[in-house]
Amino acid sequence: MSRAIPEESQRAEVLAALADSGRELSTAMIQFHTNLSRRVGLGPTEEKVLELVHRHQHATVGELAQHAGMAKNSLSDTLDRLHDKGFVERQPHPSDGRKVAVVATASGVERVSALFTGLMTRLAGLNADFSTEELAVVADYQRRAAAIQAAEARMLADTTEPQRPKG
């Protein structure tokens, strides 16, 4: 006689597996991006700022600082290093000539993109295992989880004092 796992217990197991897999994915992403950064001569912060430049095309320094959760002068220093290494350039903003936009250079994009080929090929194989509807659920979950984590990151950044254990 088999016993069905109660819904509550099954949900707890799935939520624990989801939390564990999220931590595994986070660690794997950090390892991948750390090694990718090293291969192209960037630090981890530079690589993530470069990703923001690519994602938010023609953004200003102030806009990028807001997306990165960095002070404007710190982000500007990072952009200067990316410029010196040939990854970004500053151009007149396409819709407001008074502003300066930061854009990724074609050569910089190529240097980084070449290192994503294996990952993207393997992920395409993984994606083939799931229906379009299942992938839509995963994408929705990831977007919503990322928004929650970004909000928490902003709250941590807004705290000037480190938290100390009570007692």
N, C-alpha and C. Protein backbone atom coordinates (compact mmCIF):
# COMPACT_ATOMS: atom_id res chain seq x y z
N MET A 1 0.84 -1.17 0.00
CA MET A 1 0.00 0.00 0.00
C MET A 1 0.90 1.24 0.00
N SER A 2 0.78 2.08 -1.01
CA SER A 2 1.62 3.27 -1.08
C SER A 2 0.91 4.44 -0.41
N ARG A 3 1.72 5.26 0.18
CA ARG A 3 1.15 6.44 0.84
C ARG A 3 1.47 7.65 -0.01
N ALA A 4 0.48 8.43 -0.30
CA ALA A 4 0.68 9.67 -1.07
C ALA A 4 1.29 10.71 -0.15
N ILE A 5 2.25 11.43 -0.67
CA ILE A 5 2.87 12.51 0.10
C ILE A 5 1.85 13.65 0.17
N PRO A 6 1.56 14.10 1.36
CA PRO A 6 0.60 15.22 1.45
C PRO A 6 1.11 16.43 0.66
N GLU A 7 0.19 17.18 0.10
CA GLU A 7 0.51 18.33 -0.74
C GLU A 7 1.47 19.30 -0.03
N GLU A 8 1.21 19.55 1.24
CA GLU A 8 2.04 20.49 2.00
C GLU A 8 3.49 20.00 2.10
N SER A 9 3.66 18.73 2.36
CA SER A 9 5.00 18.16 2.46
C SER A 9 5.70 18.17 1.10
N GLN A 10 4.96 17.83 0.05
CA GLN A 10 5.53 17.83 -1.29
C GLN A 10 5.94 19.26 -1.69
N ARG A 11 5.11 20.24 -1.36
CA ARG A 11 5.44 21.64 -1.68
C ARG A 11 6.70 22.07 -0.93
N ALA A 12 6.82 21.67 0.34
CA ALA A 12 8.01 22.02 1.12
C ALA A 12 9.26 21.42 0.48
N GLU A 13 9.17 20.17 0.01
CA GLU A 13 10.30 19.54 -0.64
C GLU A 13 10.68 20.27 -1.94
N VAL A 14 9.67 20.64 -2.72
CA VAL A 14 9.93 21.35 -3.98
C VAL A 14 10.52 22.73 -3.70
N LEU A 15 9.99 23.44 -2.70
CA LEU A 15 10.54 24.75 -2.36
C LEU A 15 11.98 24.64 -1.87
N ALA A 16 12.30 23.60 -1.12
CA ALA A 16 13.68 23.40 -0.67
C ALA A 16 14.58 23.11 -1.87
N ALA A 17 14.09 22.28 -2.80
CA ALA A 17 14.87 21.97 -4.00
C ALA A 17 15.06 23.22 -4.86
N LEU A 18 14.04 24.07 -4.92
CA LEU A 18 14.12 25.32 -5.69
C LEU A 18 15.15 26.25 -5.06
N ALA A 19 15.14 26.38 -3.76
CA ALA A 19 16.12 27.23 -3.08
C ALA A 19 17.53 26.70 -3.28
N ASP A 20 17.70 25.38 -3.16
CA ASP A 20 19.01 24.77 -3.34
C ASP A 20 19.50 24.95 -4.78
N SER A 21 18.63 24.72 -5.75
CA SER A 21 19.04 24.87 -7.15
C SER A 21 19.35 26.33 -7.47
N GLY A 22 18.64 27.25 -6.84
CA GLY A 22 18.94 28.68 -7.03
C GLY A 22 20.32 29.03 -6.53
N ARG A 23 20.70 28.48 -5.37
CA ARG A 23 22.05 28.72 -4.84
C ARG A 23 23.11 28.10 -5.75
N GLU A 24 22.83 26.89 -6.25
CA GLU A 24 23.77 26.24 -7.17
C GLU A 24 23.95 27.07 -8.44
N LEU A 25 22.84 27.56 -8.99
CA LEU A 25 22.90 28.38 -10.20
C LEU A 25 23.66 29.67 -9.94
N SER A 26 23.40 30.30 -8.80
CA SER A 26 24.10 31.53 -8.45
C SER A 26 25.61 31.30 -8.38
N THR A 27 26.02 30.23 -7.72
CA THR A 27 27.44 29.92 -7.61
C THR A 27 28.04 29.64 -8.98
N ALA A 28 27.34 28.86 -9.80
CA ALA A 28 27.84 28.55 -11.15
C ALA A 28 27.97 29.82 -11.99
N MET A 29 27.00 30.74 -11.85
CA MET A 29 27.07 32.01 -12.60
C MET A 29 28.26 32.84 -12.16
N ILE A 30 28.48 32.91 -10.86
CA ILE A 30 29.62 33.68 -10.35
C ILE A 30 30.93 33.08 -10.87
N GLN A 31 31.04 31.74 -10.82
CA GLN A 31 32.25 31.09 -11.32
C GLN A 31 32.44 31.37 -12.81
N PHE A 32 31.38 31.25 -13.59
CA PHE A 32 31.47 31.48 -15.03
C PHE A 32 31.90 32.91 -15.32
N HIS A 33 31.22 33.87 -14.71
CA HIS A 33 31.53 35.28 -14.99
C HIS A 33 32.89 35.70 -14.45
N THR A 34 33.31 35.12 -13.33
CA THR A 34 34.66 35.40 -12.81
C THR A 34 35.71 34.94 -13.80
N ASN A 35 35.54 33.72 -14.31
CA ASN A 35 36.51 33.18 -15.27
C ASN A 35 36.43 33.89 -16.62
N LEU A 36 35.23 34.23 -17.06
CA LEU A 36 35.08 34.99 -18.31
C LEU A 36 35.78 36.34 -18.18
N SER A 37 35.56 37.02 -17.07
CA SER A 37 36.19 38.32 -16.84
C SER A 37 37.71 38.21 -16.91
N ARG A 38 38.24 37.21 -16.23
CA ARG A 38 39.68 36.98 -16.21
C ARG A 38 40.21 36.74 -17.62
N ARG A 39 39.49 35.97 -18.42
CA ARG A 39 39.95 35.63 -19.78
C ARG A 39 40.03 36.85 -20.68
N VAL A 40 39.18 37.86 -20.46
CA VAL A 40 39.22 39.05 -21.32
C VAL A 40 39.89 40.24 -20.64
N GLY A 41 40.47 40.01 -19.46
CA GLY A 41 41.22 41.06 -18.78
C GLY A 41 40.38 42.07 -18.03
N LEU A 42 39.23 41.63 -17.55
CA LEU A 42 38.36 42.52 -16.78
C LEU A 42 38.22 42.01 -15.36
N GLY A 43 37.88 42.94 -14.46
CA GLY A 43 37.50 42.54 -13.12
C GLY A 43 36.01 42.21 -13.12
N PRO A 44 35.53 41.55 -12.09
CA PRO A 44 34.11 41.18 -12.04
C PRO A 44 33.16 42.38 -12.14
N THR A 45 33.49 43.48 -11.49
CA THR A 45 32.63 44.66 -11.57
C THR A 45 32.63 45.22 -12.98
N GLU A 46 33.79 45.26 -13.61
CA GLU A 46 33.87 45.76 -14.98
C GLU A 46 33.02 44.91 -15.92
N GLU A 47 33.06 43.60 -15.74
CA GLU A 47 32.30 42.72 -16.62
C GLU A 47 30.81 42.92 -16.43
N LYS A 48 30.36 43.10 -15.19
CA LYS A 48 28.93 43.30 -14.95
C LYS A 48 28.48 44.67 -15.46
N VAL A 49 29.32 45.69 -15.30
CA VAL A 49 28.98 47.01 -15.84
C VAL A 49 28.91 46.94 -17.37
N LEU A 50 29.83 46.21 -17.97
CA LEU A 50 29.80 46.03 -19.43
C LEU A 50 28.49 45.37 -19.85
N GLU A 51 28.03 44.39 -19.09
CA GLU A 51 26.76 43.74 -19.40
C GLU A 51 25.61 44.74 -19.32
N LEU A 52 25.64 45.62 -18.34
CA LEU A 52 24.60 46.66 -18.22
C LEU A 52 24.65 47.63 -19.40
N VAL A 53 25.87 47.98 -19.84
CA VAL A 53 26.02 48.86 -21.01
C VAL A 53 25.38 48.20 -22.22
N HIS A 54 25.64 46.91 -22.37
CA HIS A 54 25.08 46.17 -23.51
C HIS A 54 23.56 46.07 -23.42
N ARG A 55 23.04 45.79 -22.22
CA ARG A 55 21.60 45.62 -22.03
C ARG A 55 20.84 46.93 -22.16
N HIS A 56 21.40 48.02 -21.63
CA HIS A 56 20.72 49.32 -21.64
C HIS A 56 21.42 50.22 -22.66
N GLN A 57 21.26 49.88 -23.90
CA GLN A 57 21.96 50.57 -24.98
C GLN A 57 21.71 52.08 -24.94
N HIS A 58 22.78 52.82 -25.14
CA HIS A 58 22.76 54.29 -25.16
C HIS A 58 22.34 54.90 -23.83
N ALA A 59 22.64 54.22 -22.73
CA ALA A 59 22.33 54.77 -21.40
C ALA A 59 23.39 55.81 -21.04
N THR A 60 22.99 56.75 -20.19
CA THR A 60 23.93 57.74 -19.68
C THR A 60 24.66 57.16 -18.47
N VAL A 61 25.71 57.83 -18.02
CA VAL A 61 26.44 57.38 -16.84
C VAL A 61 25.50 57.32 -15.64
N GLY A 62 24.66 58.34 -15.47
CA GLY A 62 23.72 58.36 -14.35
C GLY A 62 22.74 57.20 -14.40
N GLU A 63 22.23 56.90 -15.58
CA GLU A 63 21.30 55.78 -15.72
C GLU A 63 21.99 54.45 -15.41
N LEU A 64 23.20 54.29 -15.90
CA LEU A 64 23.95 53.06 -15.63
C LEU A 64 24.26 52.93 -14.14
N ALA A 65 24.60 54.04 -13.50
CA ALA A 65 24.89 54.01 -12.06
C ALA A 65 23.66 53.53 -11.30
N GLN A 66 22.51 54.00 -11.71
CA GLN A 66 21.27 53.58 -11.05
C GLN A 66 21.03 52.09 -11.27
N HIS A 67 21.21 51.60 -12.49
CA HIS A 67 21.01 50.17 -12.78
C HIS A 67 22.01 49.31 -12.01
N ALA A 68 23.23 49.81 -11.86
CA ALA A 68 24.30 49.04 -11.21
C ALA A 68 24.24 49.14 -9.69
N GLY A 69 23.51 50.13 -9.17
CA GLY A 69 23.49 50.34 -7.74
C GLY A 69 24.82 50.87 -7.24
N MET A 70 25.50 51.66 -8.10
CA MET A 70 26.81 52.22 -7.77
C MET A 70 26.72 53.74 -7.73
N ALA A 71 27.63 54.36 -7.00
CA ALA A 71 27.74 55.81 -7.04
C ALA A 71 28.19 56.21 -8.45
N LYS A 72 27.73 57.37 -8.89
CA LYS A 72 28.03 57.82 -10.25
C LYS A 72 29.53 57.94 -10.50
N ASN A 73 30.28 58.46 -9.52
CA ASN A 73 31.73 58.60 -9.72
C ASN A 73 32.43 57.24 -9.77
N SER A 74 31.97 56.27 -8.99
CA SER A 74 32.55 54.92 -9.03
C SER A 74 32.26 54.26 -10.37
N LEU A 75 31.04 54.43 -10.85
CA LEU A 75 30.69 53.85 -12.14
C LEU A 75 31.49 54.52 -13.25
N SER A 76 31.66 55.82 -13.17
CA SER A 76 32.43 56.54 -14.17
C SER A 76 33.88 56.05 -14.22
N ASP A 77 34.47 55.78 -13.04
CA ASP A 77 35.82 55.21 -13.00
C ASP A 77 35.87 53.84 -13.68
N THR A 78 34.85 53.03 -13.43
CA THR A 78 34.77 51.70 -14.06
C THR A 78 34.65 51.85 -15.57
N LEU A 79 33.81 52.79 -16.03
CA LEU A 79 33.66 53.03 -17.47
C LEU A 79 34.97 53.51 -18.09
N ASP A 80 35.71 54.34 -17.36
CA ASP A 80 37.01 54.79 -17.87
C ASP A 80 37.95 53.60 -18.10
N ARG A 81 37.94 52.65 -17.16
CA ARG A 81 38.78 51.46 -17.33
C ARG A 81 38.30 50.62 -18.52
N LEU A 82 36.98 50.48 -18.66
CA LEU A 82 36.44 49.74 -19.80
C LEU A 82 36.79 50.43 -21.12
N HIS A 83 36.78 51.75 -21.13
CA HIS A 83 37.15 52.51 -22.33
C HIS A 83 38.62 52.27 -22.66
N ASP A 84 39.47 52.37 -21.64
CA ASP A 84 40.91 52.17 -21.85
C ASP A 84 41.23 50.77 -22.38
N LYS A 85 40.38 49.80 -22.04
CA LYS A 85 40.59 48.41 -22.49
C LYS A 85 39.85 48.12 -23.80
N GLY A 86 39.17 49.13 -24.37
CA GLY A 86 38.53 48.98 -25.67
C GLY A 86 37.14 48.35 -25.66
N PHE A 87 36.47 48.36 -24.52
CA PHE A 87 35.16 47.71 -24.43
C PHE A 87 33.98 48.68 -24.60
N VAL A 88 34.16 49.94 -24.26
CA VAL A 88 33.07 50.92 -24.38
C VAL A 88 33.60 52.22 -24.97
N GLU A 89 32.66 53.00 -25.45
CA GLU A 89 32.98 54.37 -25.88
C GLU A 89 31.80 55.26 -25.54
N ARG A 90 32.11 56.53 -25.43
CA ARG A 90 31.07 57.52 -25.15
C ARG A 90 30.73 58.21 -26.47
N GLN A 91 29.42 58.40 -26.70
CA GLN A 91 28.92 59.03 -27.92
C GLN A 91 27.82 60.01 -27.58
N PRO A 92 27.53 60.93 -28.48
CA PRO A 92 26.35 61.78 -28.24
C PRO A 92 25.10 60.90 -28.13
N HIS A 93 24.23 61.24 -27.20
CA HIS A 93 22.99 60.48 -27.01
C HIS A 93 22.13 60.62 -28.26
N PRO A 94 21.55 59.53 -28.76
CA PRO A 94 20.80 59.59 -30.02
C PRO A 94 19.56 60.47 -29.99
N SER A 95 18.93 60.62 -28.81
CA SER A 95 17.71 61.43 -28.77
C SER A 95 17.89 62.78 -28.07
N ASP A 96 19.03 62.98 -27.41
CA ASP A 96 19.29 64.25 -26.72
C ASP A 96 20.78 64.54 -26.84
N GLY A 97 21.12 65.36 -27.79
CA GLY A 97 22.52 65.67 -28.06
C GLY A 97 23.27 66.31 -26.92
N ARG A 98 22.55 66.82 -25.91
CA ARG A 98 23.22 67.41 -24.74
C ARG A 98 23.78 66.34 -23.82
N LYS A 99 23.25 65.11 -23.94
CA LYS A 99 23.68 64.01 -23.08
C LYS A 99 24.74 63.17 -23.79
N VAL A 100 25.47 62.41 -22.98
CA VAL A 100 26.47 61.48 -23.51
C VAL A 100 26.00 60.07 -23.19
N ALA A 101 25.98 59.23 -24.22
CA ALA A 101 25.59 57.84 -24.05
C ALA A 101 26.83 56.96 -24.01
N VAL A 102 26.74 55.88 -23.28
CA VAL A 102 27.82 54.90 -23.22
C VAL A 102 27.38 53.69 -24.02
N VAL A 103 28.22 53.26 -24.95
CA VAL A 103 27.89 52.10 -25.79
C VAL A 103 29.06 51.13 -25.81
N ALA A 104 28.72 49.86 -25.99
CA ALA A 104 29.74 48.83 -26.11
C ALA A 104 30.35 48.90 -27.51
N THR A 105 31.64 48.67 -27.60
CA THR A 105 32.30 48.64 -28.90
C THR A 105 32.05 47.28 -29.55
N ALA A 106 32.07 47.25 -30.86
CA ALA A 106 31.88 45.97 -31.58
C ALA A 106 32.97 44.98 -31.22
N SER A 107 34.21 45.46 -31.12
CA SER A 107 35.31 44.54 -30.79
C SER A 107 35.17 44.01 -29.36
N GLY A 108 34.71 44.85 -28.46
CA GLY A 108 34.50 44.41 -27.08
C GLY A 108 33.39 43.37 -26.98
N VAL A 109 32.31 43.61 -27.70
CA VAL A 109 31.20 42.65 -27.72
C VAL A 109 31.68 41.31 -28.27
N GLU A 110 32.46 41.34 -29.33
CA GLU A 110 32.96 40.11 -29.94
C GLU A 110 33.87 39.34 -28.99
N ARG A 111 34.74 40.06 -28.27
CA ARG A 111 35.67 39.41 -27.34
C ARG A 111 34.92 38.65 -26.26
N VAL A 112 33.84 39.24 -25.77
CA VAL A 112 33.07 38.60 -24.71
C VAL A 112 32.13 37.54 -25.29
N SER A 113 31.45 37.86 -26.38
CA SER A 113 30.48 36.93 -26.98
C SER A 113 31.11 35.60 -27.36
N ALA A 114 32.34 35.63 -27.83
CA ALA A 114 33.02 34.40 -28.24
C ALA A 114 33.11 33.40 -27.09
N LEU A 115 33.18 33.90 -25.86
CA LEU A 115 33.31 33.02 -24.70
C LEU A 115 31.97 32.46 -24.24
N PHE A 116 30.87 32.96 -24.78
CA PHE A 116 29.54 32.47 -24.43
C PHE A 116 29.06 31.34 -25.34
N THR A 117 29.78 31.05 -26.41
CA THR A 117 29.31 30.10 -27.41
C THR A 117 28.99 28.73 -26.81
N GLY A 118 29.91 28.18 -26.06
CA GLY A 118 29.69 26.85 -25.46
C GLY A 118 28.50 26.84 -24.53
N LEU A 119 28.43 27.84 -23.66
CA LEU A 119 27.32 27.93 -22.72
C LEU A 119 25.99 28.02 -23.45
N MET A 120 25.91 28.90 -24.43
CA MET A 120 24.64 29.10 -25.14
C MET A 120 24.23 27.86 -25.92
N THR A 121 25.19 27.15 -26.48
CA THR A 121 24.90 25.91 -27.21
C THR A 121 24.34 24.86 -26.25
N ARG A 122 24.96 24.72 -25.10
CA ARG A 122 24.49 23.74 -24.12
C ARG A 122 23.14 24.12 -23.54
N LEU A 123 22.91 25.41 -23.31
CA LEU A 123 21.60 25.85 -22.82
C LEU A 123 20.51 25.62 -23.86
N ALA A 124 20.84 25.79 -25.14
CA ALA A 124 19.86 25.52 -26.20
C ALA A 124 19.44 24.05 -26.15
N GLY A 125 20.39 23.16 -25.90
CA GLY A 125 20.06 21.75 -25.75
C GLY A 125 19.16 21.49 -24.56
N LEU A 126 19.45 22.15 -23.45
CA LEU A 126 18.60 22.03 -22.26
C LEU A 126 17.20 22.57 -22.54
N ASN A 127 17.11 23.72 -23.20
CA ASN A 127 15.82 24.33 -23.51
C ASN A 127 14.95 23.41 -24.36
N ALA A 128 15.57 22.60 -25.19
CA ALA A 128 14.82 21.69 -26.05
C ALA A 128 14.08 20.62 -25.24
N ASP A 129 14.49 20.40 -24.00
CA ASP A 129 13.83 19.42 -23.15
C ASP A 129 12.51 19.91 -22.57
N PHE A 130 12.20 21.19 -22.75
CA PHE A 130 11.02 21.78 -22.12
C PHE A 130 10.09 22.37 -23.17
N SER A 131 8.80 22.36 -22.85
CA SER A 131 7.81 22.96 -23.76
C SER A 131 7.92 24.48 -23.69
N THR A 132 7.35 25.13 -24.65
CA THR A 132 7.32 26.60 -24.67
C THR A 132 6.62 27.12 -23.42
N GLU A 133 5.55 26.47 -23.03
CA GLU A 133 4.79 26.89 -21.84
C GLU A 133 5.64 26.74 -20.58
N GLU A 134 6.38 25.64 -20.48
CA GLU A 134 7.23 25.44 -19.31
C GLU A 134 8.34 26.48 -19.27
N LEU A 135 8.94 26.78 -20.41
CA LEU A 135 9.98 27.80 -20.46
C LEU A 135 9.44 29.17 -20.09
N ALA A 136 8.20 29.45 -20.48
CA ALA A 136 7.57 30.74 -20.12
C ALA A 136 7.43 30.85 -18.61
N VAL A 137 7.08 29.76 -17.94
CA VAL A 137 6.95 29.77 -16.48
C VAL A 137 8.32 30.01 -15.84
N VAL A 138 9.33 29.33 -16.33
CA VAL A 138 10.69 29.50 -15.80
C VAL A 138 11.15 30.95 -16.00
N ALA A 139 10.92 31.49 -17.19
CA ALA A 139 11.33 32.88 -17.48
C ALA A 139 10.61 33.86 -16.57
N ASP A 140 9.32 33.64 -16.36
CA ASP A 140 8.55 34.52 -15.48
C ASP A 140 9.08 34.44 -14.06
N TYR A 141 9.35 33.25 -13.57
CA TYR A 141 9.88 33.08 -12.22
C TYR A 141 11.23 33.79 -12.09
N GLN A 142 12.12 33.58 -13.07
CA GLN A 142 13.44 34.19 -12.99
C GLN A 142 13.35 35.72 -12.99
N ARG A 143 12.50 36.29 -13.85
CA ARG A 143 12.35 37.75 -13.88
C ARG A 143 11.85 38.27 -12.53
N ARG A 144 10.85 37.62 -11.98
CA ARG A 144 10.28 38.07 -10.72
C ARG A 144 11.26 37.87 -9.56
N ALA A 145 11.99 36.76 -9.56
CA ALA A 145 12.99 36.52 -8.51
C ALA A 145 14.12 37.54 -8.63
N ALA A 146 14.53 37.86 -9.86
CA ALA A 146 15.59 38.86 -10.07
C ALA A 146 15.14 40.23 -9.57
N ALA A 147 13.89 40.59 -9.79
CA ALA A 147 13.37 41.88 -9.31
C ALA A 147 13.39 41.93 -7.79
N ILE A 148 13.02 40.83 -7.15
CA ILE A 148 13.05 40.77 -5.68
C ILE A 148 14.49 40.91 -5.19
N GLN A 149 15.41 40.17 -5.82
CA GLN A 149 16.81 40.22 -5.38
C GLN A 149 17.40 41.60 -5.63
N ALA A 150 17.07 42.23 -6.74
CA ALA A 150 17.57 43.58 -7.02
C ALA A 150 17.06 44.57 -5.99
N ALA A 151 15.80 44.44 -5.59
CA ALA A 151 15.24 45.34 -4.57
C ALA A 151 15.96 45.12 -3.24
N GLU A 152 16.21 43.88 -2.89
CA GLU A 152 16.95 43.59 -1.65
C GLU A 152 18.37 44.12 -1.72
N ALA A 153 19.00 44.02 -2.88
CA ALA A 153 20.36 44.54 -3.05
C ALA A 153 20.37 46.05 -2.86
N ARG A 154 19.36 46.74 -3.41
CA ARG A 154 19.29 48.19 -3.22
C ARG A 154 19.12 48.54 -1.75
N MET A 155 18.31 47.77 -1.03
CA MET A 155 18.13 48.04 0.40
C MET A 155 19.44 47.82 1.15
N LEU A 156 20.19 46.78 0.79
CA LEU A 156 21.48 46.56 1.43
C LEU A 156 22.45 47.69 1.12
N ALA A 157 22.41 48.18 -0.11
CA ALA A 157 23.29 49.27 -0.51
C ALA A 157 22.95 50.56 0.21
N ASP A 158 21.69 50.75 0.55
CA ASP A 158 21.25 51.96 1.22
C ASP A 158 21.63 51.99 2.70
N THR A 159 22.01 50.86 3.24
CA THR A 159 22.40 50.77 4.65
C THR A 159 23.87 51.13 4.76
N THR A 160 24.16 52.15 5.55
CA THR A 160 25.55 52.59 5.68
C THR A 160 26.30 51.83 6.76
N GLU A 161 25.60 51.34 7.75
CA GLU A 161 26.24 50.63 8.86
C GLU A 161 26.16 49.13 8.65
N PRO A 162 27.28 48.43 8.86
CA PRO A 162 27.20 46.96 8.77
C PRO A 162 26.37 46.42 9.92
N GLN A 163 25.62 45.36 9.67
CA GLN A 163 24.85 44.76 10.72
C GLN A 163 25.77 43.94 11.60
N ARG A 164 25.61 44.12 12.89
CA ARG A 164 26.42 43.38 13.84
C ARG A 164 25.51 42.45 14.64
N PRO A 165 26.06 41.29 15.02
CA PRO A 165 25.26 40.38 15.82
C PRO A 165 24.85 41.05 17.12
N LYS A 166 23.62 40.77 17.54
CA LYS A 166 23.15 41.32 18.82
C LYS A 166 23.66 40.46 19.97
N GLY A 167 23.92 41.13 21.07
CA GLY A 167 24.27 40.35 22.24
C GLY A 167 25.51 40.73 22.92
